[in-house]
């Protein structure tokens, strides 16, 4: 093994094998330790964010592989921060969609809306996992908000299915945009609680 592996700054000493096999050993150990990989950096400059790409690495030309880890809780906090950043982008996306629909540029609006829907699905899934990992209990008001939010998303989908772009625009403008403020409050609350228990 010509390359060296560092995990959180400490050199990894393991069995002699192809990196892909060593990586599997590391993943198993992390699972046992309830840790996750946050970053992989190759030769101090190339960051790998899609960890499936690790299996395609040509290790003959690599000197150092740095693996940065975190606990599940740390990852939850980072994800909440990412969600808060995404809300800012989503708000701008909503403004663009409304403007494009008003100007009858439906195709462009739907392109942005499709990306927004993917982001919303990511956010909803991530939030559910965070609640589970962090053992957070939603308040009644938060549960009620999420129910209403889900209804707004259903109205949006119904408008899309019937190609009723006036309804799509109205749901975004009068419901989903307002929902973002409540989402921000909830995420900031759980971010604070998550930072306290790290």
C-alpha atoms as a PDB file:
ATOM      1  CA  UNK A   1       0.000   0.000   0.000  1.00  0.00           C
ATOM      2  CA  UNK A   2       1.859   3.067  -1.281  1.00  0.00           C
ATOM      3  CA  UNK A   3      -0.686   5.585  -0.013  1.00  0.00           C
ATOM      4  CA  UNK A   4      -1.356   6.505   3.614  1.00  0.00           C
ATOM      5  CA  UNK A   5      -4.782   6.827   5.223  1.00  0.00           C
ATOM      6  CA  UNK A   6      -5.555   9.301   7.983  1.00  0.00           C
ATOM      7  CA  UNK A   7      -8.798   9.301   9.959  1.00  0.00           C
ATOM      8  CA  UNK A   8      -9.447  12.547  11.820  1.00  0.00           C
ATOM      9  CA  UNK A   9      -5.702  13.312  11.683  1.00  0.00           C
ATOM     10  CA  UNK A  10      -4.510   9.937  12.976  1.00  0.00           C
ATOM     11  CA  UNK A  11      -2.823   7.476  10.654  1.00  0.00           C
ATOM     12  CA  UNK A  12      -4.840   4.326  10.041  1.00  0.00           C
ATOM     13  CA  UNK A  13      -2.853   1.148  10.386  1.00  0.00           C
ATOM     14  CA  UNK A  14      -4.762  -1.823   9.071  1.00  0.00           C
ATOM     15  CA  UNK A  15      -4.422  -4.842   6.918  1.00  0.00           C
ATOM     16  CA  UNK A  16      -2.604  -4.755   3.582  1.00  0.00           C
ATOM     17  CA  UNK A  17      -5.302  -4.746   0.924  1.00  0.00           C
ATOM     18  CA  UNK A  18      -6.775  -2.710  -1.902  1.00  0.00           C
ATOM     19  CA  UNK A  19      -8.142   0.614  -0.686  1.00  0.00           C
ATOM     20  CA  UNK A  20     -11.689  -0.405  -1.574  1.00  0.00           C
ATOM     21  CA  UNK A  21     -11.430  -3.377   0.832  1.00  0.00           C
ATOM     22  CA  UNK A  22      -9.856  -1.214   3.534  1.00  0.00           C
ATOM     23  CA  UNK A  23     -12.656   1.317   3.021  1.00  0.00           C
ATOM     24  CA  UNK A  24     -15.218  -1.433   3.684  1.00  0.00           C
ATOM     25  CA  UNK A  25     -13.378  -2.271   6.956  1.00  0.00           C
ATOM     26  CA  UNK A  26     -13.449   1.409   7.934  1.00  0.00           C
ATOM     27  CA  UNK A  27     -17.170   1.717   7.152  1.00  0.00           C
ATOM     28  CA  UNK A  28     -17.952  -1.315   9.299  1.00  0.00           C
ATOM     29  CA  UNK A  29     -15.919   0.081  12.197  1.00  0.00           C
ATOM     30  CA  UNK A  30     -17.681   3.452  11.878  1.00  0.00           C
ATOM     31  CA  UNK A  31     -21.055   1.706  11.955  1.00  0.00           C
ATOM     32  CA  UNK A  32     -20.037  -0.074  15.155  1.00  0.00           C
ATOM     33  CA  UNK A  33     -18.809   3.230  16.653  1.00  0.00           C
ATOM     34  CA  UNK A  34     -21.926   5.148  15.490  1.00  0.00           C
ATOM     35  CA  UNK A  35     -19.803   7.475  13.374  1.00  0.00           C
ATOM     36  CA  UNK A  36     -20.213   8.654   9.808  1.00  0.00           C
ATOM     37  CA  UNK A  37     -17.861   9.962   7.155  1.00  0.00           C
ATOM     38  CA  UNK A  38     -18.274  13.667   6.591  1.00  0.00           C
ATOM     39  CA  UNK A  39     -15.483  14.204   4.051  1.00  0.00           C
ATOM     40  CA  UNK A  40     -12.823  12.348   2.127  1.00  0.00           C
ATOM     41  CA  UNK A  41      -9.902  14.416   0.862  1.00  0.00           C
ATOM     42  CA  UNK A  42      -7.379  12.995  -1.584  1.00  0.00           C
ATOM     43  CA  UNK A  43      -3.825  14.402  -1.473  1.00  0.00           C
ATOM     44  CA  UNK A  44      -4.935  17.426   0.565  1.00  0.00           C
ATOM     45  CA  UNK A  45      -6.784  18.993  -2.378  1.00  0.00           C
ATOM     46  CA  UNK A  46      -9.518  16.879  -3.963  1.00  0.00           C
ATOM     47  CA  UNK A  47     -12.615  16.478  -1.836  1.00  0.00           C
ATOM     48  CA  UNK A  48     -14.936  13.561  -2.549  1.00  0.00           C
ATOM     49  CA  UNK A  49     -18.541  14.174  -1.565  1.00  0.00           C
ATOM     50  CA  UNK A  50     -20.099  11.209  -3.385  1.00  0.00           C
ATOM     51  CA  UNK A  51     -18.600   8.352  -1.401  1.00  0.00           C
ATOM     52  CA  UNK A  52     -19.487   5.796  -4.072  1.00  0.00           C
ATOM     53  CA  UNK A  53     -16.711   7.435  -6.151  1.00  0.00           C
ATOM     54  CA  UNK A  54     -14.197   6.046  -3.636  1.00  0.00           C
ATOM     55  CA  UNK A  55     -14.537   2.689  -5.344  1.00  0.00           C
ATOM     56  CA  UNK A  56     -13.330   4.242  -8.611  1.00  0.00           C
ATOM     57  CA  UNK A  57     -10.147   5.758  -7.160  1.00  0.00           C
ATOM     58  CA  UNK A  58      -6.894   4.866  -8.851  1.00  0.00           C
ATOM     59  CA  UNK A  59      -4.751   4.578  -5.716  1.00  0.00           C
ATOM     60  CA  UNK A  60      -1.503   4.107  -7.653  1.00  0.00           C
ATOM     61  CA  UNK A  61      -1.177   7.889  -8.018  1.00  0.00           C
ATOM     62  CA  UNK A  62      -2.432   8.812  -4.535  1.00  0.00           C
ATOM     63  CA  UNK A  63      -0.186   9.578  -1.575  1.00  0.00           C
ATOM     64  CA  UNK A  64      -2.630  10.487   1.206  1.00  0.00           C
ATOM     65  CA  UNK A  65      -6.327   9.878   1.824  1.00  0.00           C
ATOM     66  CA  UNK A  66      -7.821  11.921   4.670  1.00  0.00           C
ATOM     67  CA  UNK A  67     -11.139  10.761   6.109  1.00  0.00           C
ATOM     68  CA  UNK A  68     -13.012  13.225   8.320  1.00  0.00           C
ATOM     69  CA  UNK A  69     -15.695  11.710  10.533  1.00  0.00           C
ATOM     70  CA  UNK A  70     -18.451  12.838  12.821  1.00  0.00           C
ATOM     71  CA  UNK A  71     -21.048  11.347  15.093  1.00  0.00           C
ATOM     72  CA  UNK A  72     -24.630  10.939  13.974  1.00  0.00           C
ATOM     73  CA  UNK A  73     -25.538  13.873  16.203  1.00  0.00           C
ATOM     74  CA  UNK A  74     -22.865  16.090  14.650  1.00  0.00           C
ATOM     75  CA  UNK A  75     -24.133  15.130  11.213  1.00  0.00           C
ATOM     76  CA  UNK A  76     -27.666  16.066  12.290  1.00  0.00           C
ATOM     77  CA  UNK A  77     -26.503  19.528  13.349  1.00  0.00           C
ATOM     78  CA  UNK A  78     -24.664  20.017  10.042  1.00  0.00           C
ATOM     79  CA  UNK A  79     -27.768  18.862   8.153  1.00  0.00           C
ATOM     80  CA  UNK A  80     -29.997  21.326  10.017  1.00  0.00           C
ATOM     81  CA  UNK A  81     -27.557  24.098   9.061  1.00  0.00           C
ATOM     82  CA  UNK A  82     -27.758  22.950   5.436  1.00  0.00           C
ATOM     83  CA  UNK A  83     -31.557  22.941   5.653  1.00  0.00           C
ATOM     84  CA  UNK A  84     -31.551  26.522   6.944  1.00  0.00           C
ATOM     85  CA  UNK A  85     -29.348  27.535   3.987  1.00  0.00           C
ATOM     86  CA  UNK A  86     -31.647  25.675   1.631  1.00  0.00           C
ATOM     87  CA  UNK A  87     -34.670  27.604   2.921  1.00  0.00           C
ATOM     88  CA  UNK A  88     -33.046  30.844   1.706  1.00  0.00           C
ATOM     89  CA  UNK A  89     -32.552  29.297  -1.768  1.00  0.00           C
ATOM     90  CA  UNK A  90     -36.076  27.895  -1.738  1.00  0.00           C
ATOM     91  CA  UNK A  91     -37.522  31.317  -0.956  1.00  0.00           C
ATOM     92  CA  UNK A  92     -35.709  32.800  -3.978  1.00  0.00           C
ATOM     93  CA  UNK A  93     -36.854  29.861  -6.083  1.00  0.00           C
ATOM     94  CA  UNK A  94     -40.462  30.439  -5.039  1.00  0.00           C
ATOM     95  CA  UNK A  95     -40.176  34.126  -6.028  1.00  0.00           C
ATOM     96  CA  UNK A  96     -38.813  33.109  -9.442  1.00  0.00           C
ATOM     97  CA  UNK A  97     -41.588  30.548  -9.990  1.00  0.00           C
ATOM     98  CA  UNK A  98     -44.319  33.075  -9.123  1.00  0.00           C
ATOM     99  CA  UNK A  99     -42.787  35.681 -11.429  1.00  0.00           C
ATOM    100  CA  UNK A 100     -42.392  33.217 -14.310  1.00  0.00           C
ATOM    101  CA  UNK A 101     -45.978  31.938 -13.956  1.00  0.00           C
ATOM    102  CA  UNK A 102     -47.274  35.525 -13.905  1.00  0.00           C
ATOM    103  CA  UNK A 103     -45.330  36.147 -17.130  1.00  0.00           C
ATOM    104  CA  UNK A 104     -46.697  32.892 -18.612  1.00  0.00           C
ATOM    105  CA  UNK A 105     -43.252  31.281 -18.818  1.00  0.00           C
ATOM    106  CA  UNK A 106     -44.640  27.992 -17.554  1.00  0.00           C
ATOM    107  CA  UNK A 107     -41.885  25.725 -18.857  1.00  0.00           C
ATOM    108  CA  UNK A 108     -39.166  27.723 -17.081  1.00  0.00           C
ATOM    109  CA  UNK A 109     -41.254  27.898 -13.908  1.00  0.00           C
ATOM    110  CA  UNK A 110     -41.775  24.121 -13.911  1.00  0.00           C
ATOM    111  CA  UNK A 111     -38.035  23.490 -14.289  1.00  0.00           C
ATOM    112  CA  UNK A 112     -37.375  25.506 -11.130  1.00  0.00           C
ATOM    113  CA  UNK A 113     -40.364  23.943  -9.366  1.00  0.00           C
ATOM    114  CA  UNK A 114     -39.118  20.412 -10.100  1.00  0.00           C
ATOM    115  CA  UNK A 115     -35.796  21.260  -8.450  1.00  0.00           C
ATOM    116  CA  UNK A 116     -37.655  22.835  -5.526  1.00  0.00           C
ATOM    117  CA  UNK A 117     -39.772  19.703  -5.068  1.00  0.00           C
ATOM    118  CA  UNK A 118     -36.630  17.530  -4.954  1.00  0.00           C
ATOM    119  CA  UNK A 119     -35.209  19.841  -2.290  1.00  0.00           C
ATOM    120  CA  UNK A 120     -38.445  19.771  -0.289  1.00  0.00           C
ATOM    121  CA  UNK A 121     -38.452  15.961  -0.384  1.00  0.00           C
ATOM    122  CA  UNK A 122     -34.825  15.925   0.823  1.00  0.00           C
ATOM    123  CA  UNK A 123     -35.697  18.357   3.620  1.00  0.00           C
ATOM    124  CA  UNK A 124     -38.747  16.374   4.768  1.00  0.00           C
ATOM    125  CA  UNK A 125     -36.821  13.081   4.768  1.00  0.00           C
ATOM    126  CA  UNK A 126     -33.814  14.597   6.531  1.00  0.00           C
ATOM    127  CA  UNK A 127     -35.980  16.227   9.197  1.00  0.00           C
ATOM    128  CA  UNK A 128     -37.719  12.931   9.970  1.00  0.00           C
ATOM    129  CA  UNK A 129     -34.364  11.169  10.359  1.00  0.00           C
ATOM    130  CA  UNK A 130     -32.995  13.978  12.545  1.00  0.00           C
ATOM    131  CA  UNK A 131     -35.991  13.760  14.883  1.00  0.00           C
ATOM    132  CA  UNK A 132     -35.406  10.020  15.182  1.00  0.00           C
ATOM    133  CA  UNK A 133     -31.622  10.173  15.718  1.00  0.00           C
ATOM    134  CA  UNK A 134     -31.746  13.094  18.148  1.00  0.00           C
ATOM    135  CA  UNK A 135     -34.864  11.759  19.947  1.00  0.00           C
ATOM    136  CA  UNK A 136     -36.559  15.148  19.601  1.00  0.00           C
ATOM    137  CA  UNK A 137     -40.261  15.358  20.449  1.00  0.00           C
ATOM    138  CA  UNK A 138     -42.359  17.699  18.338  1.00  0.00           C
ATOM    139  CA  UNK A 139     -44.689  20.054  20.162  1.00  0.00           C
ATOM    140  CA  UNK A 140     -48.403  20.022  19.318  1.00  0.00           C
ATOM    141  CA  UNK A 141     -47.987  23.314  17.432  1.00  0.00           C
ATOM    142  CA  UNK A 142     -45.121  21.851  15.396  1.00  0.00           C
ATOM    143  CA  UNK A 143     -47.133  18.736  14.581  1.00  0.00           C
ATOM    144  CA  UNK A 144     -50.076  20.894  13.541  1.00  0.00           C
ATOM    145  CA  UNK A 145     -47.800  23.026  11.347  1.00  0.00           C
ATOM    146  CA  UNK A 146     -46.352  19.943   9.618  1.00  0.00           C
ATOM    147  CA  UNK A 147     -49.887  18.679   8.958  1.00  0.00           C
ATOM    148  CA  UNK A 148     -50.927  22.007   7.395  1.00  0.00           C
ATOM    149  CA  UNK A 149     -47.636  22.145   5.461  1.00  0.00           C
ATOM    150  CA  UNK A 150     -48.349  18.678   4.068  1.00  0.00           C
ATOM    151  CA  UNK A 151     -51.801  19.862   2.984  1.00  0.00           C
ATOM    152  CA  UNK A 152     -50.198  22.810   1.164  1.00  0.00           C
ATOM    153  CA  UNK A 153     -47.855  20.421  -0.659  1.00  0.00           C
ATOM    154  CA  UNK A 154     -50.853  18.257  -1.626  1.00  0.00           C
ATOM    155  CA  UNK A 155     -52.616  21.354  -3.030  1.00  0.00           C
ATOM    156  CA  UNK A 156     -49.478  22.165  -5.010  1.00  0.00           C
ATOM    157  CA  UNK A 157     -49.311  18.648  -6.481  1.00  0.00           C
ATOM    158  CA  UNK A 158     -53.046  18.744  -7.317  1.00  0.00           C
ATOM    159  CA  UNK A 159     -52.540  22.061  -9.136  1.00  0.00           C
ATOM    160  CA  UNK A 160     -49.594  20.634 -11.056  1.00  0.00           C
ATOM    161  CA  UNK A 161     -51.483  17.481 -12.037  1.00  0.00           C
ATOM    162  CA  UNK A 162     -54.401  19.511 -13.393  1.00  0.00           C
ATOM    163  CA  UNK A 163     -52.021  22.067 -14.979  1.00  0.00           C
ATOM    164  CA  UNK A 164     -53.767  24.800 -12.989  1.00  0.00           C
ATOM    165  CA  UNK A 165     -50.819  27.162 -12.784  1.00  0.00           C
ATOM    166  CA  UNK A 166     -52.849  29.912 -11.094  1.00  0.00           C
ATOM    167  CA  UNK A 167     -53.421  27.519  -8.165  1.00  0.00           C
ATOM    168  CA  UNK A 168     -49.735  26.528  -8.218  1.00  0.00           C
ATOM    169  CA  UNK A 169     -48.729  30.198  -8.050  1.00  0.00           C
ATOM    170  CA  UNK A 170     -51.249  30.983  -5.283  1.00  0.00           C
ATOM    171  CA  UNK A 171     -50.231  28.000  -3.135  1.00  0.00           C
ATOM    172  CA  UNK A 172     -46.588  29.060  -3.414  1.00  0.00           C
ATOM    173  CA  UNK A 173     -47.275  32.756  -2.851  1.00  0.00           C
ATOM    174  CA  UNK A 174     -49.793  32.543  -0.013  1.00  0.00           C
ATOM    175  CA  UNK A 175     -49.006  29.241   1.689  1.00  0.00           C
ATOM    176  CA  UNK A 176     -45.594  27.740   0.995  1.00  0.00           C
ATOM    177  CA  UNK A 177     -43.705  31.035   1.217  1.00  0.00           C
ATOM    178  CA  UNK A 178     -45.267  31.689   4.625  1.00  0.00           C
ATOM    179  CA  UNK A 179     -44.492  28.115   5.683  1.00  0.00           C
ATOM    180  CA  UNK A 180     -40.785  28.848   5.208  1.00  0.00           C
ATOM    181  CA  UNK A 181     -40.814  31.280   8.145  1.00  0.00           C
ATOM    182  CA  UNK A 182     -42.262  28.608  10.428  1.00  0.00           C
ATOM    183  CA  UNK A 183     -39.784  26.038   9.087  1.00  0.00           C
ATOM    184  CA  UNK A 184     -36.956  28.438   9.901  1.00  0.00           C
ATOM    185  CA  UNK A 185     -38.188  28.833  13.508  1.00  0.00           C
ATOM    186  CA  UNK A 186     -38.460  25.069  14.006  1.00  0.00           C
ATOM    187  CA  UNK A 187     -35.041  24.345  12.513  1.00  0.00           C
ATOM    188  CA  UNK A 188     -33.352  27.096  14.526  1.00  0.00           C
ATOM    189  CA  UNK A 189     -34.922  25.690  17.701  1.00  0.00           C
ATOM    190  CA  UNK A 190     -33.664  22.150  16.995  1.00  0.00           C
ATOM    191  CA  UNK A 191     -30.286  23.452  15.847  1.00  0.00           C
ATOM    192  CA  UNK A 192     -29.886  25.109  19.247  1.00  0.00           C
ATOM    193  CA  UNK A 193     -30.966  21.958  21.064  1.00  0.00           C
ATOM    194  CA  UNK A 194     -28.652  19.816  18.917  1.00  0.00           C
ATOM    195  CA  UNK A 195     -25.662  22.045  19.613  1.00  0.00           C
ATOM    196  CA  UNK A 196     -26.296  21.781  23.349  1.00  0.00           C
ATOM    197  CA  UNK A 197     -26.129  17.992  23.406  1.00  0.00           C
ATOM    198  CA  UNK A 198     -23.147  17.421  21.103  1.00  0.00           C
END
